[in-house]
């Protein structure tokens, strides 16, 4: 899929329909390729003489080749985006739980002086949010300069990560109430399911941290004097770097909260298991005295007292009942059961 955009007179972005390489004119400032076909890649090659990396090479690219300028002065950046697309939901999973699954995918940026090429494997929320913002152009940015498109997409990525961390924070507040509320935990909550939900959140936090650290490296690279060739972008890069730093700290805080809830939930599970084992160990102790009396009177002998007659049966039964009730009262008094 190939989407193309041009900058209007007031600097906002508008999309155009691409049916072939004849639609790829020089006024286009952003070419966005989503899992492009061989034909679409050939259109780019014919119109702009630009080779594009394959989607497989994006996953295998070494860290040293993620940010660089080539011999022609073209800037190449590969960075991670975190997404919660619906196609990553587990089949049959309830809608309220499906958002806990996420994936990281690599997006390639190729920045020329006249235009920006982006290559990705799937649709991303950050790109859709940026397109809507650039179409309105609330901040009156001149997107005729493709560098502002690059910085805008990185800002949209950061906003999406902030939204994801905010959603995780809300989930953790709800899970804390469920785990720490004794009545809810004992009567309603499935602790094993809670462990699974917390593990999903921890996995997402790890992926968010990966994207944040990667974005920090990108911004560090862009802040170098010769990276973008101008100092007009420095203020925006510094602001993005500060936002990244604060989100990294917030992500670390959420990690600690998830670990606390995981440890607490695991502790409650162990407590429940110990209570169950303790009850099963107490039961033989309660039944041992009656079983001893019953086994003695079950012997084939006539010398035992109360061994014959209806009255003797009642007396022995009362003795057995007393041996059973006595330990039961004692255990209740000790609060062992």
C-alpha atoms as a PDB file:
ATOM      1  CA  UNK A   1       0.000   0.000   0.000  1.00  0.00           C
ATOM      2  CA  UNK A   2       1.341   3.403  -0.992  1.00  0.00           C
ATOM      3  CA  UNK A   3       0.071   6.703   0.394  1.00  0.00           C
ATOM      4  CA  UNK A   4       1.407  10.086  -0.710  1.00  0.00           C
ATOM      5  CA  UNK A   5       1.017  13.610   0.667  1.00  0.00           C
ATOM      6  CA  UNK A   6       1.759  17.111  -0.524  1.00  0.00           C
ATOM      7  CA  UNK A   7       1.973  20.379   1.420  1.00  0.00           C
ATOM      8  CA  UNK A   8      -0.716  22.994   0.798  1.00  0.00           C
ATOM      9  CA  UNK A   9      -0.118  26.725   0.625  1.00  0.00           C
ATOM     10  CA  UNK A  10      -0.694  27.079   4.366  1.00  0.00           C
ATOM     11  CA  UNK A  11       1.711  24.209   5.067  1.00  0.00           C
ATOM     12  CA  UNK A  12      -0.737  21.443   6.004  1.00  0.00           C
ATOM     13  CA  UNK A  13      -0.622  17.949   4.501  1.00  0.00           C
ATOM     14  CA  UNK A  14      -3.147  16.571   2.030  1.00  0.00           C
ATOM     15  CA  UNK A  15      -3.153  13.067   0.611  1.00  0.00           C
ATOM     16  CA  UNK A  16      -3.346  12.147  -3.076  1.00  0.00           C
ATOM     17  CA  UNK A  17      -4.422   8.958  -4.800  1.00  0.00           C
ATOM     18  CA  UNK A  18      -1.587   6.965  -6.342  1.00  0.00           C
ATOM     19  CA  UNK A  19      -2.451   4.651  -9.245  1.00  0.00           C
ATOM     20  CA  UNK A  20       0.985   4.436 -10.807  1.00  0.00           C
ATOM     21  CA  UNK A  21       4.402   6.028 -11.060  1.00  0.00           C
ATOM     22  CA  UNK A  22       2.882   8.768 -13.232  1.00  0.00           C
ATOM     23  CA  UNK A  23       1.109  10.088 -10.079  1.00  0.00           C
ATOM     24  CA  UNK A  24       4.394  10.440  -8.180  1.00  0.00           C
ATOM     25  CA  UNK A  25       5.299  14.040  -8.985  1.00  0.00           C
ATOM     26  CA  UNK A  26       8.074  16.122  -7.445  1.00  0.00           C
ATOM     27  CA  UNK A  27       5.752  18.184  -5.229  1.00  0.00           C
ATOM     28  CA  UNK A  28       5.030  15.224  -2.946  1.00  0.00           C
ATOM     29  CA  UNK A  29       6.759  15.667   0.423  1.00  0.00           C
ATOM     30  CA  UNK A  30       5.857  12.370   2.106  1.00  0.00           C
ATOM     31  CA  UNK A  31       5.630   8.877   0.642  1.00  0.00           C
ATOM     32  CA  UNK A  32       4.277   6.359   3.155  1.00  0.00           C
ATOM     33  CA  UNK A  33       4.642   2.698   2.173  1.00  0.00           C
ATOM     34  CA  UNK A  34       2.784   0.012   4.139  1.00  0.00           C
ATOM     35  CA  UNK A  35       3.954  -3.503   3.231  1.00  0.00           C
ATOM     36  CA  UNK A  36       4.540  -2.314  -0.351  1.00  0.00           C
ATOM     37  CA  UNK A  37       4.391  -4.623  -3.315  1.00  0.00           C
ATOM     38  CA  UNK A  38       7.260  -5.033  -5.744  1.00  0.00           C
ATOM     39  CA  UNK A  39       5.352  -2.875  -8.224  1.00  0.00           C
ATOM     40  CA  UNK A  40       4.971  -0.014  -5.735  1.00  0.00           C
ATOM     41  CA  UNK A  41       8.648  -0.147  -4.845  1.00  0.00           C
ATOM     42  CA  UNK A  42       9.461   0.013  -8.544  1.00  0.00           C
ATOM     43  CA  UNK A  43       7.263   3.131  -8.854  1.00  0.00           C
ATOM     44  CA  UNK A  44       9.420   4.809  -6.182  1.00  0.00           C
ATOM     45  CA  UNK A  45      12.567   3.731  -7.960  1.00  0.00           C
ATOM     46  CA  UNK A  46      11.373   5.044 -11.327  1.00  0.00           C
ATOM     47  CA  UNK A  47      10.043   8.353  -9.995  1.00  0.00           C
ATOM     48  CA  UNK A  48      12.691   9.276  -7.411  1.00  0.00           C
ATOM     49  CA  UNK A  49      15.581   6.876  -8.026  1.00  0.00           C
ATOM     50  CA  UNK A  50      15.291   5.707  -4.416  1.00  0.00           C
ATOM     51  CA  UNK A  51      15.983   2.130  -3.339  1.00  0.00           C
ATOM     52  CA  UNK A  52      13.914   0.930  -0.367  1.00  0.00           C
ATOM     53  CA  UNK A  53      14.948  -1.671   2.190  1.00  0.00           C
ATOM     54  CA  UNK A  54      12.918  -4.848   2.491  1.00  0.00           C
ATOM     55  CA  UNK A  55      10.683  -5.429   5.500  1.00  0.00           C
ATOM     56  CA  UNK A  56      12.791  -8.439   6.491  1.00  0.00           C
ATOM     57  CA  UNK A  57      15.975  -6.366   6.461  1.00  0.00           C
ATOM     58  CA  UNK A  58      14.350  -3.904   8.868  1.00  0.00           C
ATOM     59  CA  UNK A  59      14.083  -6.623  11.491  1.00  0.00           C
ATOM     60  CA  UNK A  60      17.642  -7.857  10.985  1.00  0.00           C
ATOM     61  CA  UNK A  61      19.350  -4.470  10.739  1.00  0.00           C
ATOM     62  CA  UNK A  62      22.293  -3.978  13.100  1.00  0.00           C
ATOM     63  CA  UNK A  63      22.213  -1.219  15.678  1.00  0.00           C
ATOM     64  CA  UNK A  64      25.175   0.541  14.066  1.00  0.00           C
ATOM     65  CA  UNK A  65      23.207   0.942  10.830  1.00  0.00           C
ATOM     66  CA  UNK A  66      19.982   2.249  12.370  1.00  0.00           C
ATOM     67  CA  UNK A  67      20.884   5.947  12.185  1.00  0.00           C
ATOM     68  CA  UNK A  68      23.263   7.321   9.557  1.00  0.00           C
ATOM     69  CA  UNK A  69      23.731   9.586   6.547  1.00  0.00           C
ATOM     70  CA  UNK A  70      24.803   7.953   3.316  1.00  0.00           C
ATOM     71  CA  UNK A  71      27.287   9.331   0.783  1.00  0.00           C
ATOM     72  CA  UNK A  72      24.512  11.304  -0.951  1.00  0.00           C
ATOM     73  CA  UNK A  73      23.591  13.112   2.266  1.00  0.00           C
ATOM     74  CA  UNK A  74      20.324  11.136   2.700  1.00  0.00           C
ATOM     75  CA  UNK A  75      19.367  10.506   6.332  1.00  0.00           C
ATOM     76  CA  UNK A  76      18.386   6.925   7.239  1.00  0.00           C
ATOM     77  CA  UNK A  77      16.651   6.145  10.529  1.00  0.00           C
ATOM     78  CA  UNK A  78      15.107   2.873  11.718  1.00  0.00           C
ATOM     79  CA  UNK A  79      13.125   3.015  14.946  1.00  0.00           C
ATOM     80  CA  UNK A  80      10.673   0.906  16.933  1.00  0.00           C
ATOM     81  CA  UNK A  81       6.963   1.615  17.222  1.00  0.00           C
ATOM     82  CA  UNK A  82       4.699  -0.014  19.814  1.00  0.00           C
ATOM     83  CA  UNK A  83       1.208  -0.831  18.621  1.00  0.00           C
ATOM     84  CA  UNK A  84      -1.915  -2.536  19.956  1.00  0.00           C
ATOM     85  CA  UNK A  85      -3.563  -3.409  16.654  1.00  0.00           C
ATOM     86  CA  UNK A  86      -6.615  -5.652  16.762  1.00  0.00           C
ATOM     87  CA  UNK A  87      -5.006  -8.283  14.574  1.00  0.00           C
ATOM     88  CA  UNK A  88      -2.775  -9.113  17.546  1.00  0.00           C
ATOM     89  CA  UNK A  89      -5.697 -10.078  19.783  1.00  0.00           C
ATOM     90  CA  UNK A  90      -6.078 -13.703  20.744  1.00  0.00           C
ATOM     91  CA  UNK A  91      -9.020 -15.406  19.070  1.00  0.00           C
ATOM     92  CA  UNK A  92     -12.024 -15.538  21.366  1.00  0.00           C
ATOM     93  CA  UNK A  93     -10.507 -13.183  23.914  1.00  0.00           C
ATOM     94  CA  UNK A  94     -12.906 -10.656  25.504  1.00  0.00           C
ATOM     95  CA  UNK A  95     -12.633  -7.124  24.176  1.00  0.00           C
ATOM     96  CA  UNK A  96     -11.709  -5.685  27.573  1.00  0.00           C
ATOM     97  CA  UNK A  97      -8.670  -7.958  27.869  1.00  0.00           C
ATOM     98  CA  UNK A  98      -7.513  -7.862  24.261  1.00  0.00           C
ATOM     99  CA  UNK A  99      -5.784  -4.481  24.662  1.00  0.00           C
ATOM    100  CA  UNK A 100      -3.113  -6.025  26.895  1.00  0.00           C
ATOM    101  CA  UNK A 101      -1.380  -7.606  23.891  1.00  0.00           C
ATOM    102  CA  UNK A 102       1.011  -5.470  21.881  1.00  0.00           C
ATOM    103  CA  UNK A 103       3.828  -5.828  19.424  1.00  0.00           C
ATOM    104  CA  UNK A 104       6.900  -3.867  18.392  1.00  0.00           C
ATOM    105  CA  UNK A 105       7.652  -3.251  14.734  1.00  0.00           C
ATOM    106  CA  UNK A 106      10.425  -1.377  12.988  1.00  0.00           C
ATOM    107  CA  UNK A 107       9.703   1.663  10.809  1.00  0.00           C
ATOM    108  CA  UNK A 108      12.277   3.015   8.364  1.00  0.00           C
ATOM    109  CA  UNK A 109      12.594   6.751   7.651  1.00  0.00           C
ATOM    110  CA  UNK A 110      14.517   7.968   4.605  1.00  0.00           C
ATOM    111  CA  UNK A 111      14.847  11.756   4.654  1.00  0.00           C
ATOM    112  CA  UNK A 112      15.762  13.776   1.566  1.00  0.00           C
ATOM    113  CA  UNK A 113      15.875  17.545   1.377  1.00  0.00           C
ATOM    114  CA  UNK A 114      12.657  17.534  -0.654  1.00  0.00           C
ATOM    115  CA  UNK A 115      10.679  14.606   0.772  1.00  0.00           C
ATOM    116  CA  UNK A 116      10.415  11.858   3.369  1.00  0.00           C
ATOM    117  CA  UNK A 117       9.949   8.133   2.696  1.00  0.00           C
ATOM    118  CA  UNK A 118       8.559   5.875   5.417  1.00  0.00           C
ATOM    119  CA  UNK A 119       8.399   2.099   5.236  1.00  0.00           C
ATOM    120  CA  UNK A 120       6.508  -0.111   7.658  1.00  0.00           C
ATOM    121  CA  UNK A 121       4.865  -3.506   7.751  1.00  0.00           C
ATOM    122  CA  UNK A 122       1.437  -2.596   9.115  1.00  0.00           C
ATOM    123  CA  UNK A 123      -0.831   0.317   9.895  1.00  0.00           C
ATOM    124  CA  UNK A 124       0.044   2.219  13.067  1.00  0.00           C
ATOM    125  CA  UNK A 125      -2.052   4.430  15.305  1.00  0.00           C
ATOM    126  CA  UNK A 126       0.733   7.017  15.595  1.00  0.00           C
ATOM    127  CA  UNK A 127       0.801   7.558  11.839  1.00  0.00           C
ATOM    128  CA  UNK A 128      -2.981   7.974  11.670  1.00  0.00           C
ATOM    129  CA  UNK A 129      -2.901  10.469  14.545  1.00  0.00           C
ATOM    130  CA  UNK A 130      -0.125  12.461  12.897  1.00  0.00           C
ATOM    131  CA  UNK A 131      -1.954  12.604   9.558  1.00  0.00           C
ATOM    132  CA  UNK A 132      -5.048  14.008  11.259  1.00  0.00           C
ATOM    133  CA  UNK A 133      -2.949  16.574  13.121  1.00  0.00           C
ATOM    134  CA  UNK A 134      -0.994  17.568  10.001  1.00  0.00           C
ATOM    135  CA  UNK A 135      -4.193  17.941   7.993  1.00  0.00           C
ATOM    136  CA  UNK A 136      -5.565  20.406  10.576  1.00  0.00           C
ATOM    137  CA  UNK A 137      -2.108  21.945  11.136  1.00  0.00           C
ATOM    138  CA  UNK A 138      -3.151  23.460  14.460  1.00  0.00           C
ATOM    139  CA  UNK A 139       0.401  24.615  15.198  1.00  0.00           C
ATOM    140  CA  UNK A 140       0.874  26.190  11.743  1.00  0.00           C
ATOM    141  CA  UNK A 141       3.951  24.149  10.915  1.00  0.00           C
ATOM    142  CA  UNK A 142       5.254  24.339   7.371  1.00  0.00           C
ATOM    143  CA  UNK A 143       5.279  20.689   6.284  1.00  0.00           C
ATOM    144  CA  UNK A 144       6.888  21.656   2.998  1.00  0.00           C
ATOM    145  CA  UNK A 145      10.032  20.913   4.978  1.00  0.00           C
ATOM    146  CA  UNK A 146       9.997  17.085   5.341  1.00  0.00           C
ATOM    147  CA  UNK A 147      12.115  17.284   8.512  1.00  0.00           C
ATOM    148  CA  UNK A 148       9.053  18.592  10.343  1.00  0.00           C
ATOM    149  CA  UNK A 149       7.162  15.510   9.159  1.00  0.00           C
ATOM    150  CA  UNK A 150       9.885  13.292  10.634  1.00  0.00           C
ATOM    151  CA  UNK A 151       9.799  15.143  13.958  1.00  0.00           C
ATOM    152  CA  UNK A 152       5.995  15.123  13.911  1.00  0.00           C
ATOM    153  CA  UNK A 153       5.914  11.349  13.489  1.00  0.00           C
ATOM    154  CA  UNK A 154       8.389  10.909  16.348  1.00  0.00           C
ATOM    155  CA  UNK A 155       6.199  13.156  18.485  1.00  0.00           C
ATOM    156  CA  UNK A 156       3.126  11.088  17.550  1.00  0.00           C
ATOM    157  CA  UNK A 157       5.061   7.958  18.556  1.00  0.00           C
ATOM    158  CA  UNK A 158       5.867   9.550  21.905  1.00  0.00           C
ATOM    159  CA  UNK A 159       2.227  10.563  22.420  1.00  0.00           C
ATOM    160  CA  UNK A 160       1.071   7.012  21.734  1.00  0.00           C
ATOM    161  CA  UNK A 161       3.596   5.624  24.229  1.00  0.00           C
ATOM    162  CA  UNK A 162       2.357   8.141  26.799  1.00  0.00           C
ATOM    163  CA  UNK A 163      -1.241   7.014  26.181  1.00  0.00           C
ATOM    164  CA  UNK A 164      -0.245   3.366  26.550  1.00  0.00           C
ATOM    165  CA  UNK A 165       1.528   4.052  29.851  1.00  0.00           C
ATOM    166  CA  UNK A 166      -1.502   6.004  31.062  1.00  0.00           C
ATOM    167  CA  UNK A 167      -3.776   3.072  30.216  1.00  0.00           C
ATOM    168  CA  UNK A 168      -1.422   0.700  32.043  1.00  0.00           C
ATOM    169  CA  UNK A 169      -1.461   3.001  35.074  1.00  0.00           C
ATOM    170  CA  UNK A 170      -5.277   2.933  35.117  1.00  0.00           C
ATOM    171  CA  UNK A 171      -5.278  -0.868  34.829  1.00  0.00           C
ATOM    172  CA  UNK A 172      -2.810  -1.163  37.695  1.00  0.00           C
ATOM    173  CA  UNK A 173      -4.963   1.050  39.911  1.00  0.00           C
ATOM    174  CA  UNK A 174      -7.951  -1.195  39.186  1.00  0.00           C
ATOM    175  CA  UNK A 175      -5.939  -4.371  39.757  1.00  0.00           C
ATOM    176  CA  UNK A 176      -4.582  -2.993  43.047  1.00  0.00           C
ATOM    177  CA  UNK A 177      -8.141  -2.524  44.304  1.00  0.00           C
ATOM    178  CA  UNK A 178      -9.071  -6.057  43.272  1.00  0.00           C
ATOM    179  CA  UNK A 179      -6.007  -7.697  44.820  1.00  0.00           C
ATOM    180  CA  UNK A 180      -5.900  -5.728  48.091  1.00  0.00           C
ATOM    181  CA  UNK A 181      -9.639  -5.860  48.778  1.00  0.00           C
ATOM    182  CA  UNK A 182      -9.982  -8.951  50.976  1.00  0.00           C
ATOM    183  CA  UNK A 183     -13.657  -9.628  50.273  1.00  0.00           C
ATOM    184  CA  UNK A 184     -13.311  -9.182  46.517  1.00  0.00           C
ATOM    185  CA  UNK A 185     -10.151 -11.292  46.434  1.00  0.00           C
ATOM    186  CA  UNK A 186     -11.661 -14.164  48.431  1.00  0.00           C
ATOM    187  CA  UNK A 187     -15.133 -14.194  46.847  1.00  0.00           C
ATOM    188  CA  UNK A 188     -14.674 -13.079  43.220  1.00  0.00           C
ATOM    189  CA  UNK A 189     -11.087 -12.680  42.078  1.00  0.00           C
ATOM    190  CA  UNK A 190      -9.306 -15.429  40.130  1.00  0.00           C
ATOM    191  CA  UNK A 191      -5.702 -15.046  41.274  1.00  0.00           C
ATOM    192  CA  UNK A 192      -4.292 -17.145  38.430  1.00  0.00           C
ATOM    193  CA  UNK A 193      -6.044 -14.902  35.910  1.00  0.00           C
ATOM    194  CA  UNK A 194      -4.682 -11.846  37.722  1.00  0.00           C
ATOM    195  CA  UNK A 195      -1.145 -13.238  37.398  1.00  0.00           C
ATOM    196  CA  UNK A 196      -1.695 -13.567  33.644  1.00  0.00           C
ATOM    197  CA  UNK A 197      -3.029 -10.012  33.314  1.00  0.00           C
ATOM    198  CA  UNK A 198      -0.115  -8.585  35.286  1.00  0.00           C
ATOM    199  CA  UNK A 199       2.345 -10.568  33.168  1.00  0.00           C
ATOM    200  CA  UNK A 200       0.793  -9.026  30.040  1.00  0.00           C
ATOM    201  CA  UNK A 201       1.240  -5.557  31.508  1.00  0.00           C
ATOM    202  CA  UNK A 202       4.844  -6.277  32.433  1.00  0.00           C
ATOM    203  CA  UNK A 203       5.490  -7.479  28.883  1.00  0.00           C
ATOM    204  CA  UNK A 204       3.968  -4.299  27.465  1.00  0.00           C
ATOM    205  CA  UNK A 205       6.014  -2.126  29.816  1.00  0.00           C
ATOM    206  CA  UNK A 206       9.162  -3.872  28.634  1.00  0.00           C
ATOM    207  CA  UNK A 207       8.264  -3.178  25.007  1.00  0.00           C
ATOM    208  CA  UNK A 208       7.393   0.438  25.828  1.00  0.00           C
ATOM    209  CA  UNK A 209      10.765   0.842  27.527  1.00  0.00           C
ATOM    210  CA  UNK A 210      12.487  -0.582  24.451  1.00  0.00           C
ATOM    211  CA  UNK A 211      10.697   1.972  22.230  1.00  0.00           C
ATOM    212  CA  UNK A 212      11.487   4.845  24.586  1.00  0.00           C
ATOM    213  CA  UNK A 213      15.174   4.009  24.809  1.00  0.00           C
ATOM    214  CA  UNK A 214      15.303   3.616  21.042  1.00  0.00           C
ATOM    215  CA  UNK A 215      13.590   7.004  20.609  1.00  0.00           C
ATOM    216  CA  UNK A 216      16.093   8.575  22.989  1.00  0.00           C
ATOM    217  CA  UNK A 217      18.924   7.262  20.807  1.00  0.00           C
ATOM    218  CA  UNK A 218      17.235   8.657  17.708  1.00  0.00           C
ATOM    219  CA  UNK A 219      16.857  12.084  19.286  1.00  0.00           C
ATOM    220  CA  UNK A 220      20.472  12.009  20.470  1.00  0.00           C
ATOM    221  CA  UNK A 221      21.547  11.302  16.911  1.00  0.00           C
ATOM    222  CA  UNK A 222      19.331  14.069  15.506  1.00  0.00           C
ATOM    223  CA  UNK A 223      20.685  16.561  18.039  1.00  0.00           C
ATOM    224  CA  UNK A 224      24.175  16.317  16.563  1.00  0.00           C
ATOM    225  CA  UNK A 225      25.203  19.439  14.657  1.00  0.00           C
ATOM    226  CA  UNK A 226      25.386  17.834  11.221  1.00  0.00           C
ATOM    227  CA  UNK A 227      22.466  15.426  11.515  1.00  0.00           C
ATOM    228  CA  UNK A 228      19.709  17.747  10.256  1.00  0.00           C
ATOM    229  CA  UNK A 229      21.906  20.538   8.938  1.00  0.00           C
ATOM    230  CA  UNK A 230      20.125  23.338  10.823  1.00  0.00           C
ATOM    231  CA  UNK A 231      19.600  24.567  14.386  1.00  0.00           C
ATOM    232  CA  UNK A 232      15.923  25.499  13.886  1.00  0.00           C
ATOM    233  CA  UNK A 233      14.916  22.009  15.050  1.00  0.00           C
ATOM    234  CA  UNK A 234      16.976  22.016  18.250  1.00  0.00           C
ATOM    235  CA  UNK A 235      14.236  23.347  20.526  1.00  0.00           C
ATOM    236  CA  UNK A 236      11.753  20.683  19.398  1.00  0.00           C
ATOM    237  CA  UNK A 237      14.351  17.919  19.759  1.00  0.00           C
ATOM    238  CA  UNK A 238      15.208  19.075  23.297  1.00  0.00           C
ATOM    239  CA  UNK A 239      11.523  19.141  24.225  1.00  0.00           C
ATOM    240  CA  UNK A 240      11.011  15.629  22.873  1.00  0.00           C
ATOM    241  CA  UNK A 241      14.097  14.437  24.760  1.00  0.00           C
ATOM    242  CA  UNK A 242      12.712  15.831  28.027  1.00  0.00           C
ATOM    243  CA  UNK A 243       9.390  14.088  27.407  1.00  0.00           C
ATOM    244  CA  UNK A 244      11.212  10.824  26.717  1.00  0.00           C
ATOM    245  CA  UNK A 245      13.168  11.150  29.963  1.00  0.00           C
ATOM    246  CA  UNK A 246       9.989  11.680  32.007  1.00  0.00           C
ATOM    247  CA  UNK A 247       8.262   8.717  30.340  1.00  0.00           C
ATOM    248  CA  UNK A 248      11.257   6.451  30.987  1.00  0.00           C
ATOM    249  CA  UNK A 249      11.011   7.339  34.678  1.00  0.00           C
ATOM    250  CA  UNK A 250       7.246   6.751  34.664  1.00  0.00           C
ATOM    251  CA  UNK A 251       7.764   3.403  32.942  1.00  0.00           C
ATOM    252  CA  UNK A 252      10.237   2.393  35.677  1.00  0.00           C
ATOM    253  CA  UNK A 253       7.694   3.353  38.356  1.00  0.00           C
ATOM    254  CA  UNK A 254       5.016   1.237  36.662  1.00  0.00           C
ATOM    255  CA  UNK A 255       7.481  -1.658  36.481  1.00  0.00           C
ATOM    256  CA  UNK A 256       7.907  -1.504  40.252  1.00  0.00           C
ATOM    257  CA  UNK A 257       4.136  -1.388  40.769  1.00  0.00           C
ATOM    258  CA  UNK A 258       3.613  -4.411  38.521  1.00  0.00           C
ATOM    259  CA  UNK A 259       6.323  -6.329  40.390  1.00  0.00           C
ATOM    260  CA  UNK A 260       4.696  -5.423  43.715  1.00  0.00           C
ATOM    261  CA  UNK A 261       1.296  -6.680  42.553  1.00  0.00           C
ATOM    262  CA  UNK A 262       2.849  -9.835  41.092  1.00  0.00           C
ATOM    263  CA  UNK A 263       4.642 -10.586  44.360  1.00  0.00           C
ATOM    264  CA  UNK A 264       1.515  -9.789  46.393  1.00  0.00           C
ATOM    265  CA  UNK A 265      -0.725 -11.953  44.220  1.00  0.00           C
ATOM    266  CA  UNK A 266       1.774 -14.812  44.314  1.00  0.00           C
ATOM    267  CA  UNK A 267       1.895 -14.447  48.105  1.00  0.00           C
ATOM    268  CA  UNK A 268      -1.884 -14.736  48.367  1.00  0.00           C
ATOM    269  CA  UNK A 269      -1.815 -17.825  46.142  1.00  0.00           C
ATOM    270  CA  UNK A 270       0.818 -19.415  48.387  1.00  0.00           C
ATOM    271  CA  UNK A 271      -1.239 -18.525  51.458  1.00  0.00           C
ATOM    272  CA  UNK A 272      -4.334 -20.168  49.995  1.00  0.00           C
ATOM    273  CA  UNK A 273      -2.346 -23.277  49.122  1.00  0.00           C
ATOM    274  CA  UNK A 274      -0.863 -23.425  52.635  1.00  0.00           C
ATOM    275  CA  UNK A 275      -4.330 -23.065  54.162  1.00  0.00           C
ATOM    276  CA  UNK A 276      -5.610 -25.927  52.040  1.00  0.00           C
ATOM    277  CA  UNK A 277      -2.678 -28.165  52.965  1.00  0.00           C
ATOM    278  CA  UNK A 278      -3.065 -27.229  56.661  1.00  0.00           C
ATOM    279  CA  UNK A 279      -6.735 -28.197  56.637  1.00  0.00           C
ATOM    280  CA  UNK A 280      -5.939 -31.545  55.043  1.00  0.00           C
ATOM    281  CA  UNK A 281      -3.194 -32.153  57.640  1.00  0.00           C
ATOM    282  CA  UNK A 282      -5.544 -31.273  60.521  1.00  0.00           C
ATOM    283  CA  UNK A 283      -8.257 -33.684  59.342  1.00  0.00           C
ATOM    284  CA  UNK A 284      -6.194 -36.865  59.987  1.00  0.00           C
ATOM    285  CA  UNK A 285      -5.309 -35.519  63.453  1.00  0.00           C
ATOM    286  CA  UNK A 286      -9.013 -35.115  64.238  1.00  0.00           C
ATOM    287  CA  UNK A 287      -9.886 -38.586  62.954  1.00  0.00           C
ATOM    288  CA  UNK A 288      -6.957 -40.430  64.572  1.00  0.00           C
ATOM    289  CA  UNK A 289      -8.455 -40.858  68.117  1.00  0.00           C
ATOM    290  CA  UNK A 290     -11.875 -42.097  66.901  1.00  0.00           C
ATOM    291  CA  UNK A 291     -10.169 -44.460  64.453  1.00  0.00           C
ATOM    292  CA  UNK A 292      -7.992 -45.833  67.289  1.00  0.00           C
ATOM    293  CA  UNK A 293     -11.031 -46.527  69.477  1.00  0.00           C
ATOM    294  CA  UNK A 294     -12.966 -48.007  66.549  1.00  0.00           C
ATOM    295  CA  UNK A 295     -10.060 -50.265  65.616  1.00  0.00           C
ATOM    296  CA  UNK A 296      -9.681 -51.512  69.193  1.00  0.00           C
ATOM    297  CA  UNK A 297     -13.366 -52.367  69.456  1.00  0.00           C
ATOM    298  CA  UNK A 298     -13.247 -53.935  66.018  1.00  0.00           C
ATOM    299  CA  UNK A 299     -10.941 -56.701  67.284  1.00  0.00           C
ATOM    300  CA  UNK A 300     -12.437 -60.177  67.600  1.00  0.00           C
ATOM    301  CA  UNK A 301     -12.289 -60.473  71.456  1.00  0.00           C
ATOM    302  CA  UNK A 302     -14.801 -60.706  74.330  1.00  0.00           C
ATOM    303  CA  UNK A 303     -12.730 -59.158  77.123  1.00  0.00           C
ATOM    304  CA  UNK A 304     -13.193 -55.510  76.175  1.00  0.00           C
ATOM    305  CA  UNK A 305     -15.656 -53.506  78.278  1.00  0.00           C
ATOM    306  CA  UNK A 306     -18.822 -52.360  76.481  1.00  0.00           C
ATOM    307  CA  UNK A 307     -18.189 -54.953  73.799  1.00  0.00           C
ATOM    308  CA  UNK A 308     -21.715 -56.415  73.737  1.00  0.00           C
ATOM    309  CA  UNK A 309     -25.256 -55.144  73.810  1.00  0.00           C
ATOM    310  CA  UNK A 310     -27.166 -52.107  72.621  1.00  0.00           C
ATOM    311  CA  UNK A 311     -26.182 -50.016  75.619  1.00  0.00           C
ATOM    312  CA  UNK A 312     -22.522 -50.771  75.022  1.00  0.00           C
ATOM    313  CA  UNK A 313     -22.866 -49.695  71.370  1.00  0.00           C
ATOM    314  CA  UNK A 314     -24.347 -46.354  72.434  1.00  0.00           C
ATOM    315  CA  UNK A 315     -21.598 -45.797  75.002  1.00  0.00           C
ATOM    316  CA  UNK A 316     -18.808 -46.567  72.500  1.00  0.00           C
ATOM    317  CA  UNK A 317     -20.475 -44.316  69.922  1.00  0.00           C
ATOM    318  CA  UNK A 318     -20.563 -41.477  72.444  1.00  0.00           C
ATOM    319  CA  UNK A 319     -16.877 -42.068  73.202  1.00  0.00           C
ATOM    320  CA  UNK A 320     -16.063 -41.900  69.493  1.00  0.00           C
ATOM    321  CA  UNK A 321     -18.115 -38.726  69.143  1.00  0.00           C
ATOM    322  CA  UNK A 322     -16.351 -37.159  72.110  1.00  0.00           C
ATOM    323  CA  UNK A 323     -12.942 -38.013  70.672  1.00  0.00           C
ATOM    324  CA  UNK A 324     -14.018 -36.352  67.406  1.00  0.00           C
ATOM    325  CA  UNK A 325     -15.667 -33.241  68.869  1.00  0.00           C
ATOM    326  CA  UNK A 326     -12.904 -32.648  71.438  1.00  0.00           C
ATOM    327  CA  UNK A 327     -10.114 -32.044  68.867  1.00  0.00           C
ATOM    328  CA  UNK A 328     -12.551 -30.065  66.700  1.00  0.00           C
ATOM    329  CA  UNK A 329     -13.276 -27.666  69.583  1.00  0.00           C
ATOM    330  CA  UNK A 330      -9.596 -27.389  70.403  1.00  0.00           C
ATOM    331  CA  UNK A 331      -8.608 -26.612  66.808  1.00  0.00           C
ATOM    332  CA  UNK A 332     -11.392 -24.041  66.569  1.00  0.00           C
ATOM    333  CA  UNK A 333     -10.201 -22.434  69.808  1.00  0.00           C
ATOM    334  CA  UNK A 334      -6.640 -22.257  68.436  1.00  0.00           C
ATOM    335  CA  UNK A 335      -8.062 -20.822  65.153  1.00  0.00           C
ATOM    336  CA  UNK A 336      -6.343 -23.468  63.127  1.00  0.00           C
ATOM    337  CA  UNK A 337      -9.509 -24.147  61.169  1.00  0.00           C
END
